[in-house]
Amino acid sequence: QVQLVESGGGLVQPGGSVNLSCAILGTNDKIYLWAWYRQIAGKQREVVAHIRSDSVTTYADFVKGRFTISRDNAKNTVDLQMNSLKPEDTAVYYCAVIDGHFIWGQGIQVTVSS
């Protein structure tokens, strides 16, 4: 079973940028999807973006053109570059990998505020 460790969150001003990184500790050759989710306070967890093993990416409408998901096979990481951040992007962001089951990271807070 792999473990996921997120880093890079914190406080950022509206219009700013932050890069979230997820380190995937351990090996699992059954993973076929890597994803970022978020959970806004009081709301359900929602998908932000995901990337398949063939590198095809998909984004939620509310982040299209602002966020970019990428995967580094050599480093075994999956990143989420977030640009043009808005206060409504404030949430706990979760890394996830799917091998038929969801494996979650612990989550990391991103707060967009002036």
PDB file of N, CA and C in Angstrom:
ATOM      1  N   GLN A   1       0.859  -1.188   0.000  1.00  0.00           N
ATOM      2  CA  GLN A   1       0.000   0.000   0.000  1.00  0.00           C
ATOM      3  C   GLN A   1       0.898   1.242   0.000  1.00  0.00           C
ATOM      4  N   VAL A   2       0.661   2.152  -0.941  1.00  0.00           N
ATOM      5  CA  VAL A   2       1.444   3.374  -0.973  1.00  0.00           C
ATOM      6  C   VAL A   2       0.897   4.363   0.035  1.00  0.00           C
ATOM      7  N   GLN A   3       1.725   5.335   0.375  1.00  0.00           N
ATOM      8  CA  GLN A   3       1.309   6.461   1.210  1.00  0.00           C
ATOM      9  C   GLN A   3       1.509   7.734   0.417  1.00  0.00           C
ATOM     10  N   LEU A   4       0.614   8.676   0.607  1.00  0.00           N
ATOM     11  CA  LEU A   4       0.655   9.938  -0.110  1.00  0.00           C
ATOM     12  C   LEU A   4       0.909  11.069   0.876  1.00  0.00           C
ATOM     13  N   VAL A   5       1.843  11.942   0.529  1.00  0.00           N
ATOM     14  CA  VAL A   5       2.181  13.059   1.405  1.00  0.00           C
ATOM     15  C   VAL A   5       2.141  14.347   0.596  1.00  0.00           C
ATOM     16  N   GLU A   6       1.188  15.224   0.966  1.00  0.00           N
ATOM     17  CA  GLU A   6       1.045  16.500   0.257  1.00  0.00           C
ATOM     18  C   GLU A   6       1.919  17.570   0.895  1.00  0.00           C
ATOM     19  N   SER A   7       2.334  18.521   0.074  1.00  0.00           N
ATOM     20  CA  SER A   7       3.081  19.670   0.573  1.00  0.00           C
ATOM     21  C   SER A   7       2.788  20.865  -0.315  1.00  0.00           C
ATOM     22  N   GLY A   8       3.091  22.054   0.222  1.00  0.00           N
ATOM     23  CA  GLY A   8       3.012  23.263  -0.590  1.00  0.00           C
ATOM     24  C   GLY A   8       1.848  24.179  -0.311  1.00  0.00           C
ATOM     25  N   GLY A   9       0.964  23.807   0.574  1.00  0.00           N
ATOM     26  CA  GLY A   9      -0.183  24.661   0.841  1.00  0.00           C
ATOM     27  C   GLY A   9       0.175  25.870   1.681  1.00  0.00           C
ATOM     28  N   GLY A  10      -0.846  26.619   2.067  1.00  0.00           N
ATOM     29  CA  GLY A  10      -0.643  27.778   2.928  1.00  0.00           C
ATOM     30  C   GLY A  10      -1.556  28.911   2.549  1.00  0.00           C
ATOM     31  N   LEU A  11      -1.133  30.105   2.924  1.00  0.00           N
ATOM     32  CA  LEU A  11      -1.906  31.315   2.677  1.00  0.00           C
ATOM     33  C   LEU A  11      -1.379  32.005   1.420  1.00  0.00           C
ATOM     34  N   VAL A  12      -2.284  32.356   0.531  1.00  0.00           N
ATOM     35  CA  VAL A  12      -1.905  33.044  -0.697  1.00  0.00           C
ATOM     36  C   VAL A  12      -2.916  34.141  -0.981  1.00  0.00           C
ATOM     37  N   GLN A  13      -2.475  35.213  -1.573  1.00  0.00           N
ATOM     38  CA  GLN A  13      -3.362  36.338  -1.884  1.00  0.00           C
ATOM     39  C   GLN A  13      -4.187  36.043  -3.131  1.00  0.00           C
ATOM     40  N   PRO A  14      -5.351  36.628  -3.228  1.00  0.00           N
ATOM     41  CA  PRO A  14      -6.143  36.478  -4.452  1.00  0.00           C
ATOM     42  C   PRO A  14      -5.324  36.881  -5.671  1.00  0.00           C
ATOM     43  N   GLY A  15      -5.452  36.085  -6.727  1.00  0.00           N
ATOM     44  CA  GLY A  15      -4.660  36.315  -7.927  1.00  0.00           C
ATOM     45  C   GLY A  15      -3.301  35.660  -7.909  1.00  0.00           C
ATOM     46  N   GLY A  16      -2.933  35.130  -6.764  1.00  0.00           N
ATOM     47  CA  GLY A  16      -1.621  34.509  -6.620  1.00  0.00           C
ATOM     48  C   GLY A  16      -1.590  33.070  -7.077  1.00  0.00           C
ATOM     49  N   SER A  17      -0.425  32.455  -6.863  1.00  0.00           N
ATOM     50  CA  SER A  17      -0.204  31.085  -7.314  1.00  0.00           C
ATOM     51  C   SER A  17       0.400  30.254  -6.196  1.00  0.00           C
ATOM     52  N   VAL A  18       0.144  28.969  -6.280  1.00  0.00           N
ATOM     53  CA  VAL A  18       0.783  28.028  -5.368  1.00  0.00           C
ATOM     54  C   VAL A  18       0.865  26.682  -6.073  1.00  0.00           C
ATOM     55  N   ASN A  19       1.920  25.950  -5.760  1.00  0.00           N
ATOM     56  CA  ASN A  19       2.073  24.616  -6.324  1.00  0.00           C
ATOM     57  C   ASN A  19       1.950  23.595  -5.203  1.00  0.00           C
ATOM     58  N   LEU A  20       1.023  22.685  -5.350  1.00  0.00           N
ATOM     59  CA  LEU A  20       0.891  21.564  -4.423  1.00  0.00           C
ATOM     60  C   LEU A  20       1.620  20.363  -5.007  1.00  0.00           C
ATOM     61  N   SER A  21       2.315  19.666  -4.145  1.00  0.00           N
ATOM     62  CA  SER A  21       3.017  18.477  -4.579  1.00  0.00           C
ATOM     63  C   SER A  21       2.602  17.292  -3.725  1.00  0.00           C
ATOM     64  N   CYS A  22       2.488  16.147  -4.353  1.00  0.00           N
ATOM     65  CA  CYS A  22       2.106  14.925  -3.654  1.00  0.00           C
ATOM     66  C   CYS A  22       3.190  13.877  -3.901  1.00  0.00           C
ATOM     67  N   ALA A  23       3.859  13.500  -2.854  1.00  0.00           N
ATOM     68  CA  ALA A  23       4.866  12.448  -2.953  1.00  0.00           C
ATOM     69  C   ALA A  23       4.195  11.098  -2.711  1.00  0.00           C
ATOM     70  N   ILE A  24       4.436  10.174  -3.613  1.00  0.00           N
ATOM     71  CA  ILE A  24       3.844   8.840  -3.509  1.00  0.00           C
ATOM     72  C   ILE A  24       4.923   7.897  -2.997  1.00  0.00           C
ATOM     73  N   LEU A  25       4.794   7.494  -1.750  1.00  0.00           N
ATOM     74  CA  LEU A  25       5.810   6.669  -1.095  1.00  0.00           C
ATOM     75  C   LEU A  25       5.445   5.201  -1.255  1.00  0.00           C
ATOM     76  N   GLY A  26       6.389   4.440  -1.797  1.00  0.00           N
ATOM     77  CA  GLY A  26       6.127   3.038  -2.064  1.00  0.00           C
ATOM     78  C   GLY A  26       5.828   2.825  -3.529  1.00  0.00           C
ATOM     79  N   THR A  27       5.639   1.589  -3.898  1.00  0.00           N
ATOM     80  CA  THR A  27       5.374   1.266  -5.293  1.00  0.00           C
ATOM     81  C   THR A  27       4.058   0.512  -5.431  1.00  0.00           C
ATOM     82  N   ASN A  28       3.393   0.791  -6.513  1.00  0.00           N
ATOM     83  CA  ASN A  28       2.133   0.124  -6.819  1.00  0.00           C
ATOM     84  C   ASN A  28       1.921   0.237  -8.323  1.00  0.00           C
ATOM     85  N   ASP A  29       2.157  -0.830  -9.038  1.00  0.00           N
ATOM     86  CA  ASP A  29       2.058  -0.766 -10.494  1.00  0.00           C
ATOM     87  C   ASP A  29       0.623  -0.936 -10.994  1.00  0.00           C
ATOM     88  N   LYS A  30      -0.321  -0.958 -10.080  1.00  0.00           N
ATOM     89  CA  LYS A  30      -1.730  -1.035 -10.481  1.00  0.00           C
ATOM     90  C   LYS A  30      -2.403   0.325 -10.536  1.00  0.00           C
ATOM     91  N   ILE A  31      -1.680   1.392 -10.142  1.00  0.00           N
ATOM     92  CA  ILE A  31      -2.278   2.723 -10.181  1.00  0.00           C
ATOM     93  C   ILE A  31      -2.497   3.142 -11.615  1.00  0.00           C
ATOM     94  N   TYR A  32      -3.715   3.603 -11.916  1.00  0.00           N
ATOM     95  CA  TYR A  32      -3.995   4.050 -13.280  1.00  0.00           C
ATOM     96  C   TYR A  32      -4.542   5.470 -13.339  1.00  0.00           C
ATOM     97  N   LEU A  33      -4.754   6.063 -12.176  1.00  0.00           N
ATOM     98  CA  LEU A  33      -5.284   7.429 -12.143  1.00  0.00           C
ATOM     99  C   LEU A  33      -4.711   8.145 -10.932  1.00  0.00           C
ATOM    100  N   TRP A  34      -4.277   9.380 -11.162  1.00  0.00           N
ATOM    101  CA  TRP A  34      -3.769  10.245 -10.101  1.00  0.00           C
ATOM    102  C   TRP A  34      -4.652  11.483 -10.090  1.00  0.00           C
ATOM    103  N   ALA A  35      -5.005  11.949  -8.906  1.00  0.00           N
ATOM    104  CA  ALA A  35      -6.002  13.015  -8.852  1.00  0.00           C
ATOM    105  C   ALA A  35      -5.754  13.966  -7.694  1.00  0.00           C
ATOM    106  N   TRP A  36      -6.334  15.140  -7.836  1.00  0.00           N
ATOM    107  CA  TRP A  36      -6.444  16.107  -6.746  1.00  0.00           C
ATOM    108  C   TRP A  36      -7.916  16.385  -6.525  1.00  0.00           C
ATOM    109  N   TYR A  37      -8.310  16.357  -5.262  1.00  0.00           N
ATOM    110  CA  TYR A  37      -9.656  16.710  -4.824  1.00  0.00           C
ATOM    111  C   TYR A  37      -9.544  17.868  -3.856  1.00  0.00           C
ATOM    112  N   ARG A  38     -10.681  18.486  -3.575  1.00  0.00           N
ATOM    113  CA  ARG A  38     -10.698  19.496  -2.529  1.00  0.00           C
ATOM    114  C   ARG A  38     -11.997  19.409  -1.764  1.00  0.00           C
ATOM    115  N   GLN A  39     -11.945  19.914  -0.552  1.00  0.00           N
ATOM    116  CA  GLN A  39     -13.143  19.975   0.266  1.00  0.00           C
ATOM    117  C   GLN A  39     -13.226  21.357   0.894  1.00  0.00           C
ATOM    118  N   ILE A  40     -14.200  22.109   0.437  1.00  0.00           N
ATOM    119  CA  ILE A  40     -14.496  23.416   1.004  1.00  0.00           C
ATOM    120  C   ILE A  40     -15.298  23.193   2.279  1.00  0.00           C
ATOM    121  N   ALA A  41     -15.030  24.008   3.265  1.00  0.00           N
ATOM    122  CA  ALA A  41     -15.685  23.860   4.561  1.00  0.00           C
ATOM    123  C   ALA A  41     -17.206  23.795   4.412  1.00  0.00           C
ATOM    124  N   GLY A  42     -17.792  22.760   4.974  1.00  0.00           N
ATOM    125  CA  GLY A  42     -19.235  22.610   4.936  1.00  0.00           C
ATOM    126  C   GLY A  42     -19.777  21.973   3.668  1.00  0.00           C
ATOM    127  N   LYS A  43     -18.869  21.604   2.761  1.00  0.00           N
ATOM    128  CA  LYS A  43     -19.305  21.011   1.497  1.00  0.00           C
ATOM    129  C   LYS A  43     -18.664  19.645   1.299  1.00  0.00           C
ATOM    130  N   GLN A  44     -19.159  18.928   0.312  1.00  0.00           N
ATOM    131  CA  GLN A  44     -18.618  17.616   0.002  1.00  0.00           C
ATOM    132  C   GLN A  44     -17.300  17.731  -0.760  1.00  0.00           C
ATOM    133  N   ARG A  45     -16.491  16.701  -0.623  1.00  0.00           N
ATOM    134  CA  ARG A  45     -15.249  16.643  -1.369  1.00  0.00           C
ATOM    135  C   ARG A  45     -15.569  16.568  -2.862  1.00  0.00           C
ATOM    136  N   GLU A  46     -14.785  17.303  -3.662  1.00  0.00           N
ATOM    137  CA  GLU A  46     -15.041  17.335  -5.095  1.00  0.00           C
ATOM    138  C   GLU A  46     -13.734  17.184  -5.863  1.00  0.00           C
ATOM    139  N   VAL A  47     -13.830  16.611  -7.046  1.00  0.00           N
ATOM    140  CA  VAL A  47     -12.634  16.425  -7.851  1.00  0.00           C
ATOM    141  C   VAL A  47     -12.212  17.758  -8.458  1.00  0.00           C
ATOM    142  N   VAL A  48     -10.911  17.993  -8.466  1.00  0.00           N
ATOM    143  CA  VAL A  48     -10.347  19.195  -9.076  1.00  0.00           C
ATOM    144  C   VAL A  48      -9.753  18.852 -10.446  1.00  0.00           C
ATOM    145  N   ALA A  49      -8.942  17.805 -10.472  1.00  0.00           N
ATOM    146  CA  ALA A  49      -8.279  17.398 -11.715  1.00  0.00           C
ATOM    147  C   ALA A  49      -7.776  15.979 -11.553  1.00  0.00           C
ATOM    148  N   HIS A  50      -7.633  15.302 -12.670  1.00  0.00           N
ATOM    149  CA  HIS A  50      -6.977  14.005 -12.625  1.00  0.00           C
ATOM    150  C   HIS A  50      -6.196  13.777 -13.905  1.00  0.00           C
ATOM    151  N   ILE A  51      -5.237  12.860 -13.793  1.00  0.00           N
ATOM    152  CA  ILE A  51      -4.367  12.521 -14.913  1.00  0.00           C
ATOM    153  C   ILE A  51      -4.276  11.008 -14.998  1.00  0.00           C
ATOM    154  N   ARG A  52      -4.452  10.503 -16.206  1.00  0.00           N
ATOM    155  CA  ARG A  52      -4.438   9.052 -16.403  1.00  0.00           C
ATOM    156  C   ARG A  52      -3.017   8.533 -16.655  1.00  0.00           C
ATOM    157  N   SER A  53      -2.887   7.258 -16.723  1.00  0.00           N
ATOM    158  CA  SER A  53      -1.571   6.669 -16.974  1.00  0.00           C
ATOM    159  C   SER A  53      -1.064   6.997 -18.378  1.00  0.00           C
ATOM    160  N   ASP A  54      -1.982   7.355 -19.307  1.00  0.00           N
ATOM    161  CA  ASP A  54      -1.563   7.783 -20.652  1.00  0.00           C
ATOM    162  C   ASP A  54      -1.405   9.302 -20.729  1.00  0.00           C
ATOM    163  N   SER A  55      -1.403   9.958 -19.576  1.00  0.00           N
ATOM    164  CA  SER A  55      -1.171  11.403 -19.426  1.00  0.00           C
ATOM    165  C   SER A  55      -2.332  12.278 -19.870  1.00  0.00           C
ATOM    166  N   VAL A  56      -3.462  11.696 -20.164  1.00  0.00           N
ATOM    167  CA  VAL A  56      -4.646  12.499 -20.468  1.00  0.00           C
ATOM    168  C   VAL A  56      -5.137  13.142 -19.174  1.00  0.00           C
ATOM    169  N   THR A  57      -5.404  14.437 -19.253  1.00  0.00           N
ATOM    170  CA  THR A  57      -5.828  15.183 -18.067  1.00  0.00           C
ATOM    171  C   THR A  57      -7.287  15.634 -18.204  1.00  0.00           C
ATOM    172  N   THR A  58      -7.922  15.766 -17.066  1.00  0.00           N
ATOM    173  CA  THR A  58      -9.296  16.259 -17.002  1.00  0.00           C
ATOM    174  C   THR A  58      -9.397  17.230 -15.848  1.00  0.00           C
ATOM    175  N   TYR A  59     -10.152  18.310 -16.058  1.00  0.00           N
ATOM    176  CA  TYR A  59     -10.280  19.358 -15.049  1.00  0.00           C
ATOM    177  C   TYR A  59     -11.742  19.660 -14.773  1.00  0.00           C
ATOM    178  N   ALA A  60     -12.003  20.011 -13.529  1.00  0.00           N
ATOM    179  CA  ALA A  60     -13.314  20.532 -13.196  1.00  0.00           C
ATOM    180  C   ALA A  60     -13.481  21.886 -13.876  1.00  0.00           C
ATOM    181  N   ASP A  61     -14.716  22.201 -14.231  1.00  0.00           N
ATOM    182  CA  ASP A  61     -14.969  23.462 -14.944  1.00  0.00           C
ATOM    183  C   ASP A  61     -14.477  24.676 -14.156  1.00  0.00           C
ATOM    184  N   PHE A  62     -14.568  24.609 -12.832  1.00  0.00           N
ATOM    185  CA  PHE A  62     -14.236  25.792 -12.037  1.00  0.00           C
ATOM    186  C   PHE A  62     -12.730  26.055 -11.963  1.00  0.00           C
ATOM    187  N   VAL A  63     -11.893  25.156 -12.494  1.00  0.00           N
ATOM    188  CA  VAL A  63     -10.450  25.397 -12.484  1.00  0.00           C
ATOM    189  C   VAL A  63      -9.831  25.418 -13.875  1.00  0.00           C
ATOM    190  N   LYS A  64     -10.615  25.167 -14.898  1.00  0.00           N
ATOM    191  CA  LYS A  64     -10.069  25.113 -16.261  1.00  0.00           C
ATOM    192  C   LYS A  64      -9.371  26.427 -16.620  1.00  0.00           C
ATOM    193  N   GLY A  65      -8.167  26.270 -17.140  1.00  0.00           N
ATOM    194  CA  GLY A  65      -7.391  27.436 -17.538  1.00  0.00           C
ATOM    195  C   GLY A  65      -6.602  28.064 -16.412  1.00  0.00           C
ATOM    196  N   ARG A  66      -6.840  27.603 -15.169  1.00  0.00           N
ATOM    197  CA  ARG A  66      -6.131  28.178 -14.025  1.00  0.00           C
ATOM    198  C   ARG A  66      -5.213  27.158 -13.352  1.00  0.00           C
ATOM    199  N   PHE A  67      -5.624  25.916 -13.308  1.00  0.00           N
ATOM    200  CA  PHE A  67      -4.858  24.869 -12.621  1.00  0.00           C
ATOM    201  C   PHE A  67      -4.287  23.894 -13.646  1.00  0.00           C
ATOM    202  N   THR A  68      -3.134  23.326 -13.303  1.00  0.00           N
ATOM    203  CA  THR A  68      -2.504  22.321 -14.153  1.00  0.00           C
ATOM    204  C   THR A  68      -2.039  21.153 -13.298  1.00  0.00           C
ATOM    205  N   ILE A  69      -2.462  19.961 -13.668  1.00  0.00           N
ATOM    206  CA  ILE A  69      -2.001  18.756 -12.985  1.00  0.00           C
ATOM    207  C   ILE A  69      -0.893  18.121 -13.815  1.00  0.00           C
ATOM    208  N   SER A  70       0.131  17.622 -13.121  1.00  0.00           N
ATOM    209  CA  SER A  70       1.229  16.977 -13.830  1.00  0.00           C
ATOM    210  C   SER A  70       1.791  15.848 -12.974  1.00  0.00           C
ATOM    211  N   ARG A  71       2.439  14.934 -13.646  1.00  0.00           N
ATOM    212  CA  ARG A  71       2.990  13.775 -12.935  1.00  0.00           C
ATOM    213  C   ARG A  71       4.446  13.601 -13.343  1.00  0.00           C
ATOM    214  N   ASP A  72       5.283  13.304 -12.370  1.00  0.00           N
ATOM    215  CA  ASP A  72       6.696  13.060 -12.621  1.00  0.00           C
ATOM    216  C   ASP A  72       6.980  11.607 -12.243  1.00  0.00           C
ATOM    217  N   ASN A  73       7.152  10.772 -13.246  1.00  0.00           N
ATOM    218  CA  ASN A  73       7.361   9.344 -12.988  1.00  0.00           C
ATOM    219  C   ASN A  73       8.663   9.073 -12.239  1.00  0.00           C
ATOM    220  N   ALA A  74       9.696   9.831 -12.600  1.00  0.00           N
ATOM    221  CA  ALA A  74      11.003   9.607 -11.985  1.00  0.00           C
ATOM    222  C   ALA A  74      10.971   9.926 -10.494  1.00  0.00           C
ATOM    223  N   LYS A  75      10.281  11.010 -10.149  1.00  0.00           N
ATOM    224  CA  LYS A  75      10.202  11.420  -8.748  1.00  0.00           C
ATOM    225  C   LYS A  75       9.035  10.766  -8.027  1.00  0.00           C
ATOM    226  N   ASN A  76       8.146  10.144  -8.789  1.00  0.00           N
ATOM    227  CA  ASN A  76       6.930   9.563  -8.231  1.00  0.00           C
ATOM    228  C   ASN A  76       6.108  10.605  -7.472  1.00  0.00           C
ATOM    229  N   THR A  77       5.861  11.702  -8.155  1.00  0.00           N
ATOM    230  CA  THR A  77       5.072  12.788  -7.580  1.00  0.00           C
ATOM    231  C   THR A  77       3.974  13.200  -8.567  1.00  0.00           C
ATOM    232  N   VAL A  78       2.957  13.819  -8.022  1.00  0.00           N
ATOM    233  CA  VAL A  78       1.924  14.444  -8.844  1.00  0.00           C
ATOM    234  C   VAL A  78       1.679  15.828  -8.269  1.00  0.00           C
ATOM    235  N   ASP A  79       1.765  16.836  -9.126  1.00  0.00           N
ATOM    236  CA  ASP A  79       1.673  18.223  -8.712  1.00  0.00           C
ATOM    237  C   ASP A  79       0.389  18.866  -9.212  1.00  0.00           C
ATOM    238  N   LEU A  80      -0.002  19.906  -8.507  1.00  0.00           N
ATOM    239  CA  LEU A  80      -1.113  20.731  -8.949  1.00  0.00           C
ATOM    240  C   LEU A  80      -0.642  22.182  -8.890  1.00  0.00           C
ATOM    241  N   GLN A  81      -0.410  22.761 -10.043  1.00  0.00           N
ATOM    242  CA  GLN A  81      -0.042  24.173 -10.136  1.00  0.00           C
ATOM    243  C   GLN A  81      -1.328  24.981 -10.201  1.00  0.00           C
ATOM    244  N   MET A  82      -1.493  25.868  -9.234  1.00  0.00           N
ATOM    245  CA  MET A  82      -2.725  26.648  -9.138  1.00  0.00           C
ATOM    246  C   MET A  82      -2.402  28.119  -9.348  1.00  0.00           C
ATOM    247  N   ASN A  83      -2.960  28.708 -10.382  1.00  0.00           N
ATOM    248  CA  ASN A  83      -2.756  30.111 -10.711  1.00  0.00           C
ATOM    249  C   ASN A  83      -4.070  30.874 -10.620  1.00  0.00           C
ATOM    250  N   SER A  84      -3.965  32.186 -10.593  1.00  0.00           N
ATOM    251  CA  SER A  84      -5.154  33.058 -10.568  1.00  0.00           C
ATOM    252  C   SER A  84      -6.126  32.611  -9.476  1.00  0.00           C
ATOM    253  N   LEU A  85      -5.594  32.403  -8.301  1.00  0.00           N
ATOM    254  CA  LEU A  85      -6.412  31.874  -7.218  1.00  0.00           C
ATOM    255  C   LEU A  85      -7.465  32.871  -6.755  1.00  0.00           C
ATOM    256  N   LYS A  86      -8.604  32.323  -6.351  1.00  0.00           N
ATOM    257  CA  LYS A  86      -9.738  33.117  -5.893  1.00  0.00           C
ATOM    258  C   LYS A  86     -10.060  32.731  -4.445  1.00  0.00           C
ATOM    259  N   PRO A  87     -10.686  33.601  -3.697  1.00  0.00           N
ATOM    260  CA  PRO A  87     -11.065  33.238  -2.321  1.00  0.00           C
ATOM    261  C   PRO A  87     -11.892  31.955  -2.276  1.00  0.00           C
ATOM    262  N   GLU A  88     -12.699  31.724  -3.277  1.00  0.00           N
ATOM    263  CA  GLU A  88     -13.535  30.516  -3.298  1.00  0.00           C
ATOM    264  C   GLU A  88     -12.745  29.232  -3.558  1.00  0.00           C
ATOM    265  N   ASP A  89     -11.446  29.363  -3.832  1.00  0.00           N
ATOM    266  CA  ASP A  89     -10.585  28.182  -3.946  1.00  0.00           C
ATOM    267  C   ASP A  89     -10.086  27.720  -2.575  1.00  0.00           C
ATOM    268  N   THR A  90     -10.382  28.484  -1.554  1.00  0.00           N
ATOM    269  CA  THR A  90      -9.981  28.107  -0.202  1.00  0.00           C
ATOM    270  C   THR A  90     -10.597  26.764   0.162  1.00  0.00           C
ATOM    271  N   ALA A  91      -9.729  25.818   0.542  1.00  0.00           N
ATOM    272  CA  ALA A  91     -10.206  24.457   0.808  1.00  0.00           C
ATOM    273  C   ALA A  91      -9.049  23.618   1.332  1.00  0.00           C
ATOM    274  N   VAL A  92      -9.388  22.438   1.791  1.00  0.00           N
ATOM    275  CA  VAL A  92      -8.371  21.419   2.038  1.00  0.00           C
ATOM    276  C   VAL A  92      -8.245  20.611   0.750  1.00  0.00           C
ATOM    277  N   TYR A  93      -7.031  20.517   0.255  1.00  0.00           N
ATOM    278  CA  TYR A  93      -6.776  19.812  -0.993  1.00  0.00           C
ATOM    279  C   TYR A  93      -6.184  18.433  -0.681  1.00  0.00           C
ATOM    280  N   TYR A  94      -6.705  17.421  -1.373  1.00  0.00           N
ATOM    281  CA  TYR A  94      -6.300  16.041  -1.148  1.00  0.00           C
ATOM    282  C   TYR A  94      -5.739  15.439  -2.432  1.00  0.00           C
ATOM    283  N   CYS A  95      -4.620  14.774  -2.279  1.00  0.00           N
ATOM    284  CA  CYS A  95      -4.075  13.960  -3.354  1.00  0.00           C
ATOM    285  C   CYS A  95      -4.695  12.565  -3.249  1.00  0.00           C
ATOM    286  N   ALA A  96      -4.916  11.950  -4.394  1.00  0.00           N
ATOM    287  CA  ALA A  96      -5.458  10.596  -4.401  1.00  0.00           C
ATOM    288  C   ALA A  96      -4.886   9.818  -5.574  1.00  0.00           C
ATOM    289  N   VAL A  97      -4.717   8.531  -5.378  1.00  0.00           N
ATOM    290  CA  VAL A  97      -4.391   7.630  -6.477  1.00  0.00           C
ATOM    291  C   VAL A  97      -5.417   6.510  -6.462  1.00  0.00           C
ATOM    292  N   ILE A  98      -5.669   5.973  -7.635  1.00  0.00           N
ATOM    293  CA  ILE A  98      -6.687   4.951  -7.779  1.00  0.00           C
ATOM    294  C   ILE A  98      -6.074   3.724  -8.449  1.00  0.00           C
ATOM    295  N   ASP A  99      -6.225   2.599  -7.749  1.00  0.00           N
ATOM    296  CA  ASP A  99      -5.766   1.327  -8.312  1.00  0.00           C
ATOM    297  C   ASP A  99      -6.914   0.329  -8.292  1.00  0.00           C
ATOM    298  N   GLY A 100      -8.112   0.878  -8.388  1.00  0.00           N
ATOM    299  CA  GLY A 100      -9.312   0.095  -8.166  1.00  0.00           C
ATOM    300  C   GLY A 100      -9.925   0.489  -6.846  1.00  0.00           C
ATOM    301  N   HIS A 101      -9.115   1.059  -6.003  1.00  0.00           N
ATOM    302  CA  HIS A 101      -9.543   1.661  -4.750  1.00  0.00           C
ATOM    303  C   HIS A 101      -8.941   3.053  -4.687  1.00  0.00           C
ATOM    304  N   PHE A 102      -9.557   3.893  -3.885  1.00  0.00           N
ATOM    305  CA  PHE A 102      -9.003   5.223  -3.650  1.00  0.00           C
ATOM    306  C   PHE A 102      -8.011   5.144  -2.492  1.00  0.00           C
ATOM    307  N   ILE A 103      -6.843   5.734  -2.707  1.00  0.00           N
ATOM    308  CA  ILE A 103      -5.860   5.902  -1.646  1.00  0.00           C
ATOM    309  C   ILE A 103      -5.669   7.398  -1.488  1.00  0.00           C
ATOM    310  N   TRP A 104      -5.863   7.902  -0.278  1.00  0.00           N
ATOM    311  CA  TRP A 104      -5.885   9.347  -0.026  1.00  0.00           C
ATOM    312  C   TRP A 104      -4.664   9.810   0.755  1.00  0.00           C
ATOM    313  N   GLY A 105      -4.269  11.051   0.453  1.00  0.00           N
ATOM    314  CA  GLY A 105      -3.334  11.731   1.315  1.00  0.00           C
ATOM    315  C   GLY A 105      -4.078  12.327   2.498  1.00  0.00           C
ATOM    316  N   GLN A 106      -3.321  12.982   3.376  1.00  0.00           N
ATOM    317  CA  GLN A 106      -3.918  13.507   4.600  1.00  0.00           C
ATOM    318  C   GLN A 106      -4.603  14.845   4.390  1.00  0.00           C
ATOM    319  N   GLY A 107      -4.341  15.476   3.260  1.00  0.00           N
ATOM    320  CA  GLY A 107      -4.939  16.768   2.965  1.00  0.00           C
ATOM    321  C   GLY A 107      -4.039  17.921   3.380  1.00  0.00           C
ATOM    322  N   ILE A 108      -4.167  19.026   2.657  1.00  0.00           N
ATOM    323  CA  ILE A 108      -3.375  20.213   2.965  1.00  0.00           C
ATOM    324  C   ILE A 108      -4.234  21.444   2.734  1.00  0.00           C
ATOM    325  N   GLN A 109      -4.138  22.386   3.656  1.00  0.00           N
ATOM    326  CA  GLN A 109      -4.965  23.590   3.601  1.00  0.00           C
ATOM    327  C   GLN A 109      -4.378  24.605   2.630  1.00  0.00           C
ATOM    328  N   VAL A 110      -5.247  25.148   1.802  1.00  0.00           N
ATOM    329  CA  VAL A 110      -4.915  26.300   0.973  1.00  0.00           C
ATOM    330  C   VAL A 110      -5.941  27.380   1.288  1.00  0.00           C
ATOM    331  N   THR A 111      -5.461  28.531   1.706  1.00  0.00           N
ATOM    332  CA  THR A 111      -6.329  29.648   2.046  1.00  0.00           C
ATOM    333  C   THR A 111      -5.990  30.811   1.134  1.00  0.00           C
ATOM    334  N   VAL A 112      -7.001  31.293   0.418  1.00  0.00           N
ATOM    335  CA  VAL A 112      -6.813  32.421  -0.497  1.00  0.00           C
ATOM    336  C   VAL A 112      -7.492  33.628   0.132  1.00  0.00           C
ATOM    337  N   SER A 113      -6.686  34.560   0.590  1.00  0.00           N
ATOM    338  CA  SER A 113      -7.226  35.710   1.316  1.00  0.00           C
ATOM    339  C   SER A 113      -6.212  36.837   1.300  1.00  0.00           C
ATOM    340  N   SER A 114      -6.726  38.070   1.323  1.00  0.00           N
ATOM    341  CA  SER A 114      -5.853  39.231   1.418  1.00  0.00           C
ATOM    342  C   SER A 114      -5.698  39.643   2.869  1.00  0.00           C
TER     343      SER A 114
END
